[in-house]
Protein backbone atom coordinates (compact mmCIF):
# COMPACT_ATOMS: atom_id res chain seq x y z
CA MET A 1 -40.18 23.69 -14.47
CA LYS A 2 -36.66 24.83 -15.09
CA SER A 3 -36.24 25.96 -11.61
CA SER A 4 -36.91 22.48 -10.23
CA LYS A 5 -34.00 20.88 -12.05
CA PRO A 6 -31.18 22.90 -10.52
CA HIS A 7 -32.76 22.40 -7.20
CA SER A 8 -32.86 18.64 -7.73
CA ARG A 9 -29.34 18.62 -8.98
CA GLN A 10 -28.25 20.51 -5.85
CA MET A 11 -29.96 17.88 -3.75
CA ASP A 12 -28.22 15.12 -5.64
CA GLU A 13 -24.87 16.81 -5.01
CA ARG A 14 -25.71 17.11 -1.24
CA GLU A 15 -26.73 13.42 -1.19
CA LYS A 16 -23.44 12.46 -2.91
CA LEU A 17 -21.43 14.60 -0.39
CA ARG A 18 -23.32 13.10 2.56
CA LYS A 19 -22.56 9.56 1.29
CA PHE A 20 -18.96 10.39 0.69
CA ARG A 21 -18.59 11.67 4.20
CA GLU A 22 -20.19 8.60 5.56
CA LEU A 23 -17.83 6.49 3.42
CA ASP A 24 -14.87 8.60 4.58
CA ASP A 25 -15.87 8.24 8.20
CA ALA A 26 -16.16 4.49 7.93
CA PHE A 27 -12.78 4.20 6.12
CA ALA A 28 -11.18 6.33 8.87
CA GLN A 29 -12.68 4.16 11.49
CA ALA A 30 -11.55 0.97 9.86
CA LEU A 31 -7.97 2.40 9.68
CA ARG A 32 -8.00 3.32 13.23
CA GLU A 33 -8.95 -0.22 14.29
CA LEU A 34 -6.31 -1.71 11.99
CA ASP A 35 -3.78 0.62 13.58
CA LYS A 36 -4.68 -0.51 17.07
CA THR A 37 -4.32 -4.12 16.19
CA SER A 38 -1.05 -3.72 14.22
CA ARG A 39 0.74 -1.79 17.04
CA LYS A 40 1.39 -5.03 18.98
CA PRO A 41 4.27 -6.81 17.22
CA GLU A 42 3.81 -10.52 17.00
CA PRO A 43 6.81 -12.65 17.79
CA GLU A 44 6.80 -14.23 14.18
CA GLU A 45 7.01 -10.82 12.62
CA VAL A 46 10.49 -10.27 14.04
CA GLN A 47 12.92 -11.27 11.41
CA PRO A 48 16.62 -12.00 11.81
CA PRO A 49 19.14 -9.80 10.00
CA LEU A 50 19.38 -10.62 6.33
CA GLU A 51 23.27 -10.98 6.53
CA ASP A 52 22.90 -14.08 8.79
CA ASP A 53 20.92 -16.23 6.32
CA PRO A 54 21.39 -15.86 2.62
CA HIS A 55 18.64 -18.34 1.92
CA GLU A 56 16.25 -16.27 3.94
CA PHE A 57 17.23 -13.21 1.83
CA GLU A 58 16.66 -14.99 -1.39
CA GLN A 59 13.15 -16.21 -0.19
CA ARG A 60 12.19 -12.69 0.73
CA LEU A 61 13.64 -11.29 -2.53
CA ARG A 62 11.71 -13.89 -4.56
CA ALA A 63 8.54 -13.07 -2.76
CA LEU A 64 8.96 -9.34 -3.37
CA MET A 65 9.70 -10.05 -7.08
CA THR A 66 6.43 -12.07 -7.33
CA ASP A 67 4.48 -9.38 -5.44
CA TYR A 68 5.75 -6.61 -7.82
CA GLN A 69 5.79 -8.80 -10.96
CA GLN A 70 9.45 -8.43 -11.61
CA THR A 71 11.56 -10.81 -13.52
CA ASP A 72 15.09 -11.95 -12.81
CA THR A 73 16.31 -9.76 -15.65
CA SER A 74 14.56 -6.65 -14.53
CA VAL A 75 16.00 -6.99 -10.97
CA ASP A 76 19.50 -7.79 -12.40
CA THR A 77 19.36 -4.63 -14.56
CA LEU A 78 18.23 -2.55 -11.54
CA LEU A 79 21.08 -3.87 -9.34
CA ARG A 80 23.60 -3.34 -12.08
CA THR A 81 22.41 0.29 -12.66
CA MET A 82 22.58 1.04 -9.01
CA LEU A 83 26.06 -0.38 -8.78
CA LYS A 84 27.22 1.78 -11.73
CA LEU A 85 25.67 4.86 -10.07
CA GLY A 86 27.25 4.10 -6.72
CA LYS A 87 23.97 3.69 -4.96
CA ILE A 88 25.00 0.39 -3.47
CA ALA A 89 28.41 -0.97 -2.39
């Protein structure tokens, strides 16, 4: 009876590996399909330089702050630190 348990455990591990490979293959295929569709730049994706429109810069900055859950204070601290270190002019 003891010999059947390791065999069954080995089968479970093989089944897990098979399922993992299937999932990995499906994920890789999905990435390839996304890559194919994202290679064609859409006209609305082209953005003007930030220097031309300060309002646009602020909107994009606010959107990033929201996405990364950053407060005005944390961004201010980051910018001041970067200025002190000479990382930005």
